[in-house]
Amino acid sequence: METKKPANIDEYIGTFPNDVQEILEKVRMTIQKAAPDAKEKISYSMPAFEQNGIVVYFAAFKNHIGLYALPSGHEAFSAELSKYKSGKGSVQFPLNQPMPFDLITKIVKFRVKENLDKVKKK
């Protein structure tokens, strides 16, 4: 059976249990505040924010929220992210721990500036 891909972030969030929906909405609002000019979209079946290129993706899983700020966004905050499970361009924030909204804000602002700097160099 084929899973229907969400058409927008509201649909994506609506597929999760209420407690996870609440966290996803807070992550979404945090990203919106940090990047007010970014446009929302679904990319790779995940919520994404785009402003001069992709700023970040985020997604929910059984035990964590994944934040994908591309390798540069994670490298710039490697010390602060060291207490979380992470990969080259991803980090997992466990659902059973408080979400680090301040850190998410810093990462998003960094990525917005990084994308803008790339555009200015062209």
PDB file of N, CA and C in Angstrom:
ATOM      1  N   MET A   1       0.842  -1.187   0.000  1.00  0.00           N
ATOM      2  CA  MET A   1       0.000   0.000   0.000  1.00  0.00           C
ATOM      3  C   MET A   1       0.886   1.250   0.000  1.00  0.00           C
ATOM      4  N   GLU A   2       0.621   2.157  -0.901  1.00  0.00           N
ATOM      5  CA  GLU A   2       1.421   3.362  -1.020  1.00  0.00           C
ATOM      6  C   GLU A   2       0.959   4.413  -0.012  1.00  0.00           C
ATOM      7  N   THR A   3       1.922   5.020   0.672  1.00  0.00           N
ATOM      8  CA  THR A   3       1.612   6.075   1.624  1.00  0.00           C
ATOM      9  C   THR A   3       1.467   7.392   0.871  1.00  0.00           C
ATOM     10  N   LYS A   4       0.410   8.135   1.176  1.00  0.00           N
ATOM     11  CA  LYS A   4       0.178   9.428   0.531  1.00  0.00           C
ATOM     12  C   LYS A   4       1.151  10.449   1.114  1.00  0.00           C
ATOM     13  N   LYS A   5       1.859  11.126   0.234  1.00  0.00           N
ATOM     14  CA  LYS A   5       2.792  12.154   0.682  1.00  0.00           C
ATOM     15  C   LYS A   5       2.006  13.394   1.083  1.00  0.00           C
ATOM     16  N   PRO A   6       2.399  14.036   2.174  1.00  0.00           N
ATOM     17  CA  PRO A   6       1.682  15.243   2.593  1.00  0.00           C
ATOM     18  C   PRO A   6       1.876  16.372   1.584  1.00  0.00           C
ATOM     19  N   ALA A   7       0.827  17.144   1.367  1.00  0.00           N
ATOM     20  CA  ALA A   7       0.880  18.261   0.420  1.00  0.00           C
ATOM     21  C   ALA A   7       1.480  19.514   1.052  1.00  0.00           C
ATOM     22  N   ASN A   8       1.384  19.605   2.383  1.00  0.00           N
ATOM     23  CA  ASN A   8       1.904  20.783   3.073  1.00  0.00           C
ATOM     24  C   ASN A   8       2.270  20.409   4.510  1.00  0.00           C
ATOM     25  N   ILE A   9       2.821  21.357   5.233  1.00  0.00           N
ATOM     26  CA  ILE A   9       3.294  21.073   6.590  1.00  0.00           C
ATOM     27  C   ILE A   9       2.133  20.768   7.532  1.00  0.00           C
ATOM     28  N   ASP A  10       1.000  21.427   7.354  1.00  0.00           N
ATOM     29  CA  ASP A  10      -0.165  21.119   8.197  1.00  0.00           C
ATOM     30  C   ASP A  10      -0.565  19.653   8.057  1.00  0.00           C
ATOM     31  N   GLU A  11      -0.608  19.164   6.821  1.00  0.00           N
ATOM     32  CA  GLU A  11      -0.949  17.753   6.596  1.00  0.00           C
ATOM     33  C   GLU A  11       0.084  16.837   7.242  1.00  0.00           C
ATOM     34  N   TYR A  12       1.350  17.185   7.095  1.00  0.00           N
ATOM     35  CA  TYR A  12       2.423  16.376   7.681  1.00  0.00           C
ATOM     36  C   TYR A  12       2.242  16.272   9.193  1.00  0.00           C
ATOM     37  N   ILE A  13       2.091  17.409   9.849  1.00  0.00           N
ATOM     38  CA  ILE A  13       1.954  17.431  11.308  1.00  0.00           C
ATOM     39  C   ILE A  13       0.713  16.663  11.742  1.00  0.00           C
ATOM     40  N   GLY A  14      -0.360  16.764  10.965  1.00  0.00           N
ATOM     41  CA  GLY A  14      -1.615  16.100  11.296  1.00  0.00           C
ATOM     42  C   GLY A  14      -1.551  14.584  11.308  1.00  0.00           C
ATOM     43  N   THR A  15      -0.487  14.007  10.778  1.00  0.00           N
ATOM     44  CA  THR A  15      -0.374  12.542  10.748  1.00  0.00           C
ATOM     45  C   THR A  15       0.180  11.958  12.042  1.00  0.00           C
ATOM     46  N   PHE A  16       0.563  12.803  12.993  1.00  0.00           N
ATOM     47  CA  PHE A  16       1.187  12.337  14.230  1.00  0.00           C
ATOM     48  C   PHE A  16       0.239  12.439  15.419  1.00  0.00           C
ATOM     49  N   PRO A  17       0.534  11.692  16.496  1.00  0.00           N
ATOM     50  CA  PRO A  17      -0.279  11.807  17.718  1.00  0.00           C
ATOM     51  C   PRO A  17      -0.254  13.247  18.250  1.00  0.00           C
ATOM     52  N   ASN A  18      -1.275  13.607  19.006  1.00  0.00           N
ATOM     53  CA  ASN A  18      -1.421  14.990  19.491  1.00  0.00           C
ATOM     54  C   ASN A  18      -0.196  15.523  20.225  1.00  0.00           C
ATOM     55  N   ASP A  19       0.425  14.698  21.082  1.00  0.00           N
ATOM     56  CA  ASP A  19       1.578  15.190  21.840  1.00  0.00           C
ATOM     57  C   ASP A  19       2.748  15.523  20.911  1.00  0.00           C
ATOM     58  N   VAL A  20       2.927  14.735  19.863  1.00  0.00           N
ATOM     59  CA  VAL A  20       3.998  14.999  18.896  1.00  0.00           C
ATOM     60  C   VAL A  20       3.622  16.188  18.008  1.00  0.00           C
ATOM     61  N   GLN A  21       2.342  16.306  17.659  1.00  0.00           N
ATOM     62  CA  GLN A  21       1.883  17.461  16.873  1.00  0.00           C
ATOM     63  C   GLN A  21       2.222  18.764  17.589  1.00  0.00           C
ATOM     64  N   GLU A  22       2.022  18.765  18.888  1.00  0.00           N
ATOM     65  CA  GLU A  22       2.292  19.964  19.685  1.00  0.00           C
ATOM     66  C   GLU A  22       3.774  20.354  19.589  1.00  0.00           C
ATOM     67  N   ILE A  23       4.651  19.371  19.700  1.00  0.00           N
ATOM     68  CA  ILE A  23       6.092  19.631  19.604  1.00  0.00           C
ATOM     69  C   ILE A  23       6.451  20.101  18.197  1.00  0.00           C
ATOM     70  N   LEU A  24       5.900  19.433  17.190  1.00  0.00           N
ATOM     71  CA  LEU A  24       6.180  19.822  15.803  1.00  0.00           C
ATOM     72  C   LEU A  24       5.732  21.255  15.522  1.00  0.00           C
ATOM     73  N   GLU A  25       4.576  21.638  16.044  1.00  0.00           N
ATOM     74  CA  GLU A  25       4.098  23.016  15.852  1.00  0.00           C
ATOM     75  C   GLU A  25       5.040  24.014  16.519  1.00  0.00           C
ATOM     76  N   LYS A  26       5.564  23.662  17.688  1.00  0.00           N
ATOM     77  CA  LYS A  26       6.503  24.560  18.377  1.00  0.00           C
ATOM     78  C   LYS A  26       7.818  24.665  17.604  1.00  0.00           C
ATOM     79  N   VAL A  27       8.283  23.550  17.049  1.00  0.00           N
ATOM     80  CA  VAL A  27       9.492  23.586  16.219  1.00  0.00           C
ATOM     81  C   VAL A  27       9.235  24.470  14.996  1.00  0.00           C
ATOM     82  N   ARG A  28       8.099  24.271  14.368  1.00  0.00           N
ATOM     83  CA  ARG A  28       7.719  25.066  13.195  1.00  0.00           C
ATOM     84  C   ARG A  28       7.677  26.558  13.531  1.00  0.00           C
ATOM     85  N   MET A  29       7.039  26.915  14.628  1.00  0.00           N
ATOM     86  CA  MET A  29       6.939  28.327  15.031  1.00  0.00           C
ATOM     87  C   MET A  29       8.320  28.900  15.347  1.00  0.00           C
ATOM     88  N   THR A  30       9.176  28.095  15.950  1.00  0.00           N
ATOM     89  CA  THR A  30      10.540  28.531  16.258  1.00  0.00           C
ATOM     90  C   THR A  30      11.285  28.858  14.970  1.00  0.00           C
ATOM     91  N   ILE A  31      11.152  27.994  13.978  1.00  0.00           N
ATOM     92  CA  ILE A  31      11.807  28.224  12.684  1.00  0.00           C
ATOM     93  C   ILE A  31      11.212  29.454  12.005  1.00  0.00           C
ATOM     94  N   GLN A  32       9.882  29.598  12.045  1.00  0.00           N
ATOM     95  CA  GLN A  32       9.224  30.759  11.430  1.00  0.00           C
ATOM     96  C   GLN A  32       9.713  32.065  12.050  1.00  0.00           C
ATOM     97  N   LYS A  33       9.861  32.085  13.371  1.00  0.00           N
ATOM     98  CA  LYS A  33      10.325  33.306  14.044  1.00  0.00           C
ATOM     99  C   LYS A  33      11.774  33.615  13.692  1.00  0.00           C
ATOM    100  N   ALA A  34      12.597  32.571  13.562  1.00  0.00           N
ATOM    101  CA  ALA A  34      14.017  32.767  13.258  1.00  0.00           C
ATOM    102  C   ALA A  34      14.250  33.107  11.789  1.00  0.00           C
ATOM    103  N   ALA A  35      13.324  32.699  10.932  1.00  0.00           N
ATOM    104  CA  ALA A  35      13.444  32.946   9.487  1.00  0.00           C
ATOM    105  C   ALA A  35      12.095  33.401   8.942  1.00  0.00           C
ATOM    106  N   PRO A  36      11.656  34.614   9.324  1.00  0.00           N
ATOM    107  CA  PRO A  36      10.304  35.061   8.961  1.00  0.00           C
ATOM    108  C   PRO A  36      10.049  35.186   7.462  1.00  0.00           C
ATOM    109  N   ASP A  37      11.092  35.311   6.657  1.00  0.00           N
ATOM    110  CA  ASP A  37      10.903  35.436   5.210  1.00  0.00           C
ATOM    111  C   ASP A  37      11.005  34.101   4.477  1.00  0.00           C
ATOM    112  N   ALA A  38      11.293  33.043   5.207  1.00  0.00           N
ATOM    113  CA  ALA A  38      11.419  31.722   4.580  1.00  0.00           C
ATOM    114  C   ALA A  38      10.045  31.187   4.184  1.00  0.00           C
ATOM    115  N   LYS A  39      10.027  30.446   3.107  1.00  0.00           N
ATOM    116  CA  LYS A  39       8.796  29.821   2.606  1.00  0.00           C
ATOM    117  C   LYS A  39       8.760  28.367   3.046  1.00  0.00           C
ATOM    118  N   GLU A  40       7.580  27.918   3.439  1.00  0.00           N
ATOM    119  CA  GLU A  40       7.392  26.524   3.841  1.00  0.00           C
ATOM    120  C   GLU A  40       7.149  25.656   2.615  1.00  0.00           C
ATOM    121  N   LYS A  41       7.634  24.437   2.673  1.00  0.00           N
ATOM    122  CA  LYS A  41       7.360  23.472   1.616  1.00  0.00           C
ATOM    123  C   LYS A  41       7.585  22.066   2.155  1.00  0.00           C
ATOM    124  N   ILE A  42       7.167  21.089   1.387  1.00  0.00           N
ATOM    125  CA  ILE A  42       7.479  19.698   1.685  1.00  0.00           C
ATOM    126  C   ILE A  42       8.537  19.278   0.675  1.00  0.00           C
ATOM    127  N   SER A  43       9.635  18.757   1.164  1.00  0.00           N
ATOM    128  CA  SER A  43      10.713  18.287   0.310  1.00  0.00           C
ATOM    129  C   SER A  43      11.251  16.998   0.910  1.00  0.00           C
ATOM    130  N   TYR A  44      11.458  15.993   0.089  1.00  0.00           N
ATOM    131  CA  TYR A  44      11.854  14.667   0.580  1.00  0.00           C
ATOM    132  C   TYR A  44      10.845  14.147   1.605  1.00  0.00           C
ATOM    133  N   SER A  45       9.583  14.486   1.426  1.00  0.00           N
ATOM    134  CA  SER A  45       8.474  14.087   2.316  1.00  0.00           C
ATOM    135  C   SER A  45       8.610  14.649   3.728  1.00  0.00           C
ATOM    136  N   MET A  46       9.384  15.722   3.883  1.00  0.00           N
ATOM    137  CA  MET A  46       9.572  16.362   5.190  1.00  0.00           C
ATOM    138  C   MET A  46       9.261  17.851   5.087  1.00  0.00           C
ATOM    139  N   PRO A  47       8.851  18.458   6.201  1.00  0.00           N
ATOM    140  CA  PRO A  47       8.723  19.912   6.217  1.00  0.00           C
ATOM    141  C   PRO A  47      10.091  20.558   5.979  1.00  0.00           C
ATOM    142  N   ALA A  48      10.092  21.599   5.181  1.00  0.00           N
ATOM    143  CA  ALA A  48      11.326  22.321   4.886  1.00  0.00           C
ATOM    144  C   ALA A  48      11.029  23.811   4.833  1.00  0.00           C
ATOM    145  N   PHE A  49      12.049  24.590   5.105  1.00  0.00           N
ATOM    146  CA  PHE A  49      11.962  26.041   4.986  1.00  0.00           C
ATOM    147  C   PHE A  49      13.031  26.473   3.997  1.00  0.00           C
ATOM    148  N   GLU A  50      12.620  27.348   3.077  1.00  0.00           N
ATOM    149  CA  GLU A  50      13.493  27.749   1.984  1.00  0.00           C
ATOM    150  C   GLU A  50      13.596  29.268   1.930  1.00  0.00           C
ATOM    151  N   GLN A  51      14.824  29.746   1.861  1.00  0.00           N
ATOM    152  CA  GLN A  51      15.091  31.172   1.680  1.00  0.00           C
ATOM    153  C   GLN A  51      16.477  31.264   1.050  1.00  0.00           C
ATOM    154  N   ASN A  52      16.524  31.566  -0.221  1.00  0.00           N
ATOM    155  CA  ASN A  52      17.782  31.532  -0.973  1.00  0.00           C
ATOM    156  C   ASN A  52      18.391  30.136  -0.938  1.00  0.00           C
ATOM    157  N   GLY A  53      17.553  29.135  -0.978  1.00  0.00           N
ATOM    158  CA  GLY A  53      17.967  27.741  -0.838  1.00  0.00           C
ATOM    159  C   GLY A  53      17.359  27.168   0.432  1.00  0.00           C
ATOM    160  N   ILE A  54      17.545  25.884   0.643  1.00  0.00           N
ATOM    161  CA  ILE A  54      16.987  25.252   1.841  1.00  0.00           C
ATOM    162  C   ILE A  54      17.691  25.781   3.084  1.00  0.00           C
ATOM    163  N   VAL A  55      16.905  26.170   4.067  1.00  0.00           N
ATOM    164  CA  VAL A  55      17.440  26.597   5.361  1.00  0.00           C
ATOM    165  C   VAL A  55      17.553  25.359   6.251  1.00  0.00           C
ATOM    166  N   VAL A  56      16.424  24.712   6.516  1.00  0.00           N
ATOM    167  CA  VAL A  56      16.398  23.483   7.318  1.00  0.00           C
ATOM    168  C   VAL A  56      15.215  22.617   6.912  1.00  0.00           C
ATOM    169  N   TYR A  57      15.341  21.344   7.246  1.00  0.00           N
ATOM    170  CA  TYR A  57      14.240  20.383   7.198  1.00  0.00           C
ATOM    171  C   TYR A  57      14.019  19.936   8.638  1.00  0.00           C
ATOM    172  N   PHE A  58      12.817  19.454   8.942  1.00  0.00           N
ATOM    173  CA  PHE A  58      12.607  18.786  10.224  1.00  0.00           C
ATOM    174  C   PHE A  58      11.617  17.659  10.024  1.00  0.00           C
ATOM    175  N   ALA A  59      11.658  16.689  10.920  1.00  0.00           N
ATOM    176  CA  ALA A  59      10.781  15.527  10.785  1.00  0.00           C
ATOM    177  C   ALA A  59      10.611  14.856  12.141  1.00  0.00           C
ATOM    178  N   ALA A  60       9.499  14.160  12.289  1.00  0.00           N
ATOM    179  CA  ALA A  60       9.236  13.424  13.529  1.00  0.00           C
ATOM    180  C   ALA A  60       9.421  11.935  13.285  1.00  0.00           C
ATOM    181  N   PHE A  61       9.926  11.278  14.294  1.00  0.00           N
ATOM    182  CA  PHE A  61      10.109   9.833  14.278  1.00  0.00           C
ATOM    183  C   PHE A  61       9.569   9.279  15.588  1.00  0.00           C
ATOM    184  N   LYS A  62       9.663   7.987  15.767  1.00  0.00           N
ATOM    185  CA  LYS A  62       9.071   7.345  16.941  1.00  0.00           C
ATOM    186  C   LYS A  62       9.580   7.951  18.255  1.00  0.00           C
ATOM    187  N   ASN A  63      10.887   8.196  18.338  1.00  0.00           N
ATOM    188  CA  ASN A  63      11.472   8.637  19.604  1.00  0.00           C
ATOM    189  C   ASN A  63      12.176   9.989  19.555  1.00  0.00           C
ATOM    190  N   HIS A  64      12.148  10.644  18.405  1.00  0.00           N
ATOM    191  CA  HIS A  64      12.876  11.908  18.311  1.00  0.00           C
ATOM    192  C   HIS A  64      12.321  12.810  17.204  1.00  0.00           C
ATOM    193  N   ILE A  65      12.757  14.064  17.267  1.00  0.00           N
ATOM    194  CA  ILE A  65      12.546  15.021  16.185  1.00  0.00           C
ATOM    195  C   ILE A  65      13.898  15.169  15.499  1.00  0.00           C
ATOM    196  N   GLY A  66      13.912  15.015  14.190  1.00  0.00           N
ATOM    197  CA  GLY A  66      15.147  15.197  13.441  1.00  0.00           C
ATOM    198  C   GLY A  66      15.196  16.603  12.868  1.00  0.00           C
ATOM    199  N   LEU A  67      16.342  17.241  12.996  1.00  0.00           N
ATOM    200  CA  LEU A  67      16.566  18.553  12.392  1.00  0.00           C
ATOM    201  C   LEU A  67      17.711  18.393  11.404  1.00  0.00           C
ATOM    202  N   TYR A  68      17.482  18.852  10.193  1.00  0.00           N
ATOM    203  CA  TYR A  68      18.460  18.699   9.122  1.00  0.00           C
ATOM    204  C   TYR A  68      18.844  20.088   8.634  1.00  0.00           C
ATOM    205  N   ALA A  69      19.990  20.569   9.090  1.00  0.00           N
ATOM    206  CA  ALA A  69      20.449  21.913   8.741  1.00  0.00           C
ATOM    207  C   ALA A  69      21.645  21.843   7.796  1.00  0.00           C
ATOM    208  N   LEU A  70      21.731  20.744   7.045  1.00  0.00           N
ATOM    209  CA  LEU A  70      22.835  20.515   6.126  1.00  0.00           C
ATOM    210  C   LEU A  70      24.140  20.480   6.927  1.00  0.00           C
ATOM    211  N   PRO A  71      25.193  19.910   6.405  1.00  0.00           N
ATOM    212  CA  PRO A  71      26.409  19.757   7.216  1.00  0.00           C
ATOM    213  C   PRO A  71      26.917  21.049   7.845  1.00  0.00           C
ATOM    214  N   SER A  72      26.860  22.157   7.121  1.00  0.00           N
ATOM    215  CA  SER A  72      27.408  23.414   7.651  1.00  0.00           C
ATOM    216  C   SER A  72      26.694  23.879   8.910  1.00  0.00           C
ATOM    217  N   GLY A  73      25.390  23.723   8.950  1.00  0.00           N
ATOM    218  CA  GLY A  73      24.624  24.142  10.122  1.00  0.00           C
ATOM    219  C   GLY A  73      24.951  23.332  11.354  1.00  0.00           C
ATOM    220  N   HIS A  74      25.334  22.095  11.148  1.00  0.00           N
ATOM    221  CA  HIS A  74      25.688  21.243  12.280  1.00  0.00           C
ATOM    222  C   HIS A  74      27.141  21.438  12.691  1.00  0.00           C
ATOM    223  N   GLU A  75      28.014  21.644  11.724  1.00  0.00           N
ATOM    224  CA  GLU A  75      29.423  21.880  12.036  1.00  0.00           C
ATOM    225  C   GLU A  75      29.588  23.147  12.864  1.00  0.00           C
ATOM    226  N   ALA A  76      28.837  24.178  12.537  1.00  0.00           N
ATOM    227  CA  ALA A  76      28.953  25.461  13.234  1.00  0.00           C
ATOM    228  C   ALA A  76      28.521  25.377  14.694  1.00  0.00           C
ATOM    229  N   PHE A  77      27.706  24.385  15.023  1.00  0.00           N
ATOM    230  CA  PHE A  77      27.196  24.245  16.389  1.00  0.00           C
ATOM    231  C   PHE A  77      27.566  22.887  16.979  1.00  0.00           C
ATOM    232  N   SER A  78      28.686  22.325  16.536  1.00  0.00           N
ATOM    233  CA  SER A  78      29.056  20.967  16.943  1.00  0.00           C
ATOM    234  C   SER A  78      29.188  20.816  18.453  1.00  0.00           C
ATOM    235  N   ALA A  79      29.713  21.817  19.135  1.00  0.00           N
ATOM    236  CA  ALA A  79      29.862  21.712  20.592  1.00  0.00           C
ATOM    237  C   ALA A  79      28.496  21.629  21.268  1.00  0.00           C
ATOM    238  N   GLU A  80      27.573  22.485  20.858  1.00  0.00           N
ATOM    239  CA  GLU A  80      26.241  22.492  21.466  1.00  0.00           C
ATOM    240  C   GLU A  80      25.425  21.258  21.088  1.00  0.00           C
ATOM    241  N   LEU A  81      25.720  20.689  19.932  1.00  0.00           N
ATOM    242  CA  LEU A  81      24.982  19.509  19.468  1.00  0.00           C
ATOM    243  C   LEU A  81      25.605  18.203  19.950  1.00  0.00           C
ATOM    244  N   SER A  82      26.764  18.276  20.589  1.00  0.00           N
ATOM    245  CA  SER A  82      27.503  17.061  20.954  1.00  0.00           C
ATOM    246  C   SER A  82      26.748  16.142  21.905  1.00  0.00           C
ATOM    247  N   LYS A  83      25.804  16.669  22.660  1.00  0.00           N
ATOM    248  CA  LYS A  83      25.062  15.812  23.593  1.00  0.00           C
ATOM    249  C   LYS A  83      23.902  15.071  22.929  1.00  0.00           C
ATOM    250  N   TYR A  84      23.706  15.323  21.630  1.00  0.00           N
ATOM    251  CA  TYR A  84      22.633  14.667  20.887  1.00  0.00           C
ATOM    252  C   TYR A  84      23.225  13.709  19.861  1.00  0.00           C
ATOM    253  N   LYS A  85      22.460  12.697  19.515  1.00  0.00           N
ATOM    254  CA  LYS A  85      22.863  11.788  18.451  1.00  0.00           C
ATOM    255  C   LYS A  85      22.786  12.561  17.143  1.00  0.00           C
ATOM    256  N   SER A  86      23.859  12.503  16.364  1.00  0.00           N
ATOM    257  CA  SER A  86      23.844  13.267  15.126  1.00  0.00           C
ATOM    258  C   SER A  86      24.635  12.571  14.034  1.00  0.00           C
ATOM    259  N   GLY A  87      24.373  13.016  12.818  1.00  0.00           N
ATOM    260  CA  GLY A  87      25.086  12.549  11.639  1.00  0.00           C
ATOM    261  C   GLY A  87      25.703  13.746  10.955  1.00  0.00           C
ATOM    262  N   LYS A  88      26.149  13.564   9.728  1.00  0.00           N
ATOM    263  CA  LYS A  88      26.833  14.641   9.011  1.00  0.00           C
ATOM    264  C   LYS A  88      25.978  15.903   8.891  1.00  0.00           C
ATOM    265  N   GLY A  89      24.708  15.754   8.615  1.00  0.00           N
ATOM    266  CA  GLY A  89      23.852  16.930   8.451  1.00  0.00           C
ATOM    267  C   GLY A  89      22.559  16.829   9.220  1.00  0.00           C
ATOM    268  N   SER A  90      22.553  15.978  10.248  1.00  0.00           N
ATOM    269  CA  SER A  90      21.309  15.764  10.994  1.00  0.00           C
ATOM    270  C   SER A  90      21.590  15.666  12.486  1.00  0.00           C
ATOM    271  N   VAL A  91      20.556  15.960  13.244  1.00  0.00           N
ATOM    272  CA  VAL A  91      20.638  15.797  14.698  1.00  0.00           C
ATOM    273  C   VAL A  91      19.291  15.287  15.185  1.00  0.00           C
ATOM    274  N   GLN A  92      19.335  14.459  16.222  1.00  0.00           N
ATOM    275  CA  GLN A  92      18.115  13.893  16.790  1.00  0.00           C
ATOM    276  C   GLN A  92      17.883  14.480  18.177  1.00  0.00           C
ATOM    277  N   PHE A  93      16.730  15.128  18.342  1.00  0.00           N
ATOM    278  CA  PHE A  93      16.329  15.655  19.638  1.00  0.00           C
ATOM    279  C   PHE A  93      15.298  14.693  20.216  1.00  0.00           C
ATOM    280  N   PRO A  94      15.647  13.960  21.282  1.00  0.00           N
ATOM    281  CA  PRO A  94      14.721  12.963  21.846  1.00  0.00           C
ATOM    282  C   PRO A  94      13.405  13.593  22.295  1.00  0.00           C
ATOM    283  N   LEU A  95      12.321  12.887  22.035  1.00  0.00           N
ATOM    284  CA  LEU A  95      10.992  13.370  22.424  1.00  0.00           C
ATOM    285  C   LEU A  95      10.802  13.383  23.935  1.00  0.00           C
ATOM    286  N   ASN A  96      11.593  12.598  24.656  1.00  0.00           N
ATOM    287  CA  ASN A  96      11.435  12.532  26.113  1.00  0.00           C
ATOM    288  C   ASN A  96      12.317  13.549  26.841  1.00  0.00           C
ATOM    289  N   GLN A  97      12.884  14.486  26.094  1.00  0.00           N
ATOM    290  CA  GLN A  97      13.682  15.569  26.681  1.00  0.00           C
ATOM    291  C   GLN A  97      13.144  16.903  26.161  1.00  0.00           C
ATOM    292  N   PRO A  98      13.397  17.982  26.903  1.00  0.00           N
ATOM    293  CA  PRO A  98      12.943  19.293  26.411  1.00  0.00           C
ATOM    294  C   PRO A  98      13.604  19.627  25.064  1.00  0.00           C
ATOM    295  N   MET A  99      12.829  20.179  24.159  1.00  0.00           N
ATOM    296  CA  MET A  99      13.371  20.592  22.860  1.00  0.00           C
ATOM    297  C   MET A  99      14.253  21.827  23.063  1.00  0.00           C
ATOM    298  N   PRO A 100      15.421  21.853  22.441  1.00  0.00           N
ATOM    299  CA  PRO A 100      16.321  23.008  22.585  1.00  0.00           C
ATOM    300  C   PRO A 100      15.950  24.127  21.594  1.00  0.00           C
ATOM    301  N   PHE A 101      14.839  24.792  21.868  1.00  0.00           N
ATOM    302  CA  PHE A 101      14.327  25.797  20.933  1.00  0.00           C
ATOM    303  C   PHE A 101      15.315  26.942  20.701  1.00  0.00           C
ATOM    304  N   ASP A 102      16.061  27.342  21.736  1.00  0.00           N
ATOM    305  CA  ASP A 102      17.053  28.413  21.559  1.00  0.00           C
ATOM    306  C   ASP A 102      18.144  27.983  20.583  1.00  0.00           C
ATOM    307  N   LEU A 103      18.562  26.737  20.695  1.00  0.00           N
ATOM    308  CA  LEU A 103      19.586  26.209  19.790  1.00  0.00           C
ATOM    309  C   LEU A 103      19.041  26.109  18.362  1.00  0.00           C
ATOM    310  N   ILE A 104      17.808  25.657  18.222  1.00  0.00           N
ATOM    311  CA  ILE A 104      17.184  25.588  16.892  1.00  0.00           C
ATOM    312  C   ILE A 104      17.150  26.984  16.272  1.00  0.00           C
ATOM    313  N   THR A 105      16.794  27.984  17.065  1.00  0.00           N
ATOM    314  CA  THR A 105      16.766  29.372  16.586  1.00  0.00           C
ATOM    315  C   THR A 105      18.139  29.797  16.076  1.00  0.00           C
ATOM    316  N   LYS A 106      19.183  29.511  16.841  1.00  0.00           N
ATOM    317  CA  LYS A 106      20.539  29.900  16.443  1.00  0.00           C
ATOM    318  C   LYS A 106      20.960  29.213  15.144  1.00  0.00           C
ATOM    319  N   ILE A 107      20.640  27.932  15.034  1.00  0.00           N
ATOM    320  CA  ILE A 107      20.999  27.178  13.829  1.00  0.00           C
ATOM    321  C   ILE A 107      20.275  27.748  12.610  1.00  0.00           C
ATOM    322  N   VAL A 108      18.989  28.028  12.757  1.00  0.00           N
ATOM    323  CA  VAL A 108      18.202  28.561  11.636  1.00  0.00           C
ATOM    324  C   VAL A 108      18.739  29.927  11.212  1.00  0.00           C
ATOM    325  N   LYS A 109      19.007  30.804  12.159  1.00  0.00           N
ATOM    326  CA  LYS A 109      19.538  32.134  11.825  1.00  0.00           C
ATOM    327  C   LYS A 109      20.890  32.016  11.116  1.00  0.00           C
ATOM    328  N   PHE A 110      21.716  31.084  11.573  1.00  0.00           N
ATOM    329  CA  PHE A 110      23.004  30.841  10.926  1.00  0.00           C
ATOM    330  C   PHE A 110      22.804  30.420   9.474  1.00  0.00           C
ATOM    331  N   ARG A 111      21.865  29.495   9.240  1.00  0.00           N
ATOM    332  CA  ARG A 111      21.623  28.984   7.885  1.00  0.00           C
ATOM    333  C   ARG A 111      21.031  30.067   6.973  1.00  0.00           C
ATOM    334  N   VAL A 112      20.163  30.920   7.501  1.00  0.00           N
ATOM    335  CA  VAL A 112      19.615  32.024   6.697  1.00  0.00           C
ATOM    336  C   VAL A 112      20.755  32.937   6.244  1.00  0.00           C
ATOM    337  N   LYS A 113      21.629  33.295   7.180  1.00  0.00           N
ATOM    338  CA  LYS A 113      22.765  34.167   6.855  1.00  0.00           C
ATOM    339  C   LYS A 113      23.701  33.481   5.863  1.00  0.00           C
ATOM    340  N   GLU A 114      23.954  32.208   6.074  1.00  0.00           N
ATOM    341  CA  GLU A 114      24.832  31.466   5.172  1.00  0.00           C
ATOM    342  C   GLU A 114      24.271  31.459   3.744  1.00  0.00           C
ATOM    343  N   ASN A 115      22.978  31.204   3.612  1.00  0.00           N
ATOM    344  CA  ASN A 115      22.351  31.212   2.283  1.00  0.00           C
ATOM    345  C   ASN A 115      22.413  32.601   1.649  1.00  0.00           C
ATOM    346  N   LEU A 116      22.181  33.639   2.451  1.00  0.00           N
ATOM    347  CA  LEU A 116      22.233  35.009   1.943  1.00  0.00           C
ATOM    348  C   LEU A 116      23.646  35.360   1.481  1.00  0.00           C
ATOM    349  N   ASP A 117      24.647  34.953   2.261  1.00  0.00           N
ATOM    350  CA  ASP A 117      26.040  35.215   1.886  1.00  0.00           C
ATOM    351  C   ASP A 117      26.391  34.544   0.557  1.00  0.00           C
ATOM    352  N   LYS A 118      25.868  33.345   0.324  1.00  0.00           N
ATOM    353  CA  LYS A 118      26.123  32.641  -0.946  1.00  0.00           C
ATOM    354  C   LYS A 118      25.518  33.410  -2.118  1.00  0.00           C
ATOM    355  N   VAL A 119      24.317  33.954  -1.919  1.00  0.00           N
ATOM    356  CA  VAL A 119      23.646  34.722  -2.976  1.00  0.00           C
ATOM    357  C   VAL A 119      24.433  35.995  -3.275  1.00  0.00           C
ATOM    358  N   LYS A 120      24.923  36.663  -2.236  1.00  0.00           N
ATOM    359  CA  LYS A 120      25.676  37.908  -2.416  1.00  0.00           C
ATOM    360  C   LYS A 120      26.975  37.683  -3.178  1.00  0.00           C
ATOM    361  N   LYS A 121      27.576  36.498  -3.025  1.00  0.00           N
ATOM    362  CA  LYS A 121      28.842  36.199  -3.700  1.00  0.00           C
ATOM    363  C   LYS A 121      28.663  35.954  -5.190  1.00  0.00           C
ATOM    364  N   LYS A 122      27.449  35.628  -5.606  1.00  0.00           N
ATOM    365  CA  LYS A 122      27.205  35.326  -7.029  1.00  0.00           C
ATOM    366  C   LYS A 122      27.202  36.577  -7.871  1.00  0.00           C
TER     367      LYS A 122
END
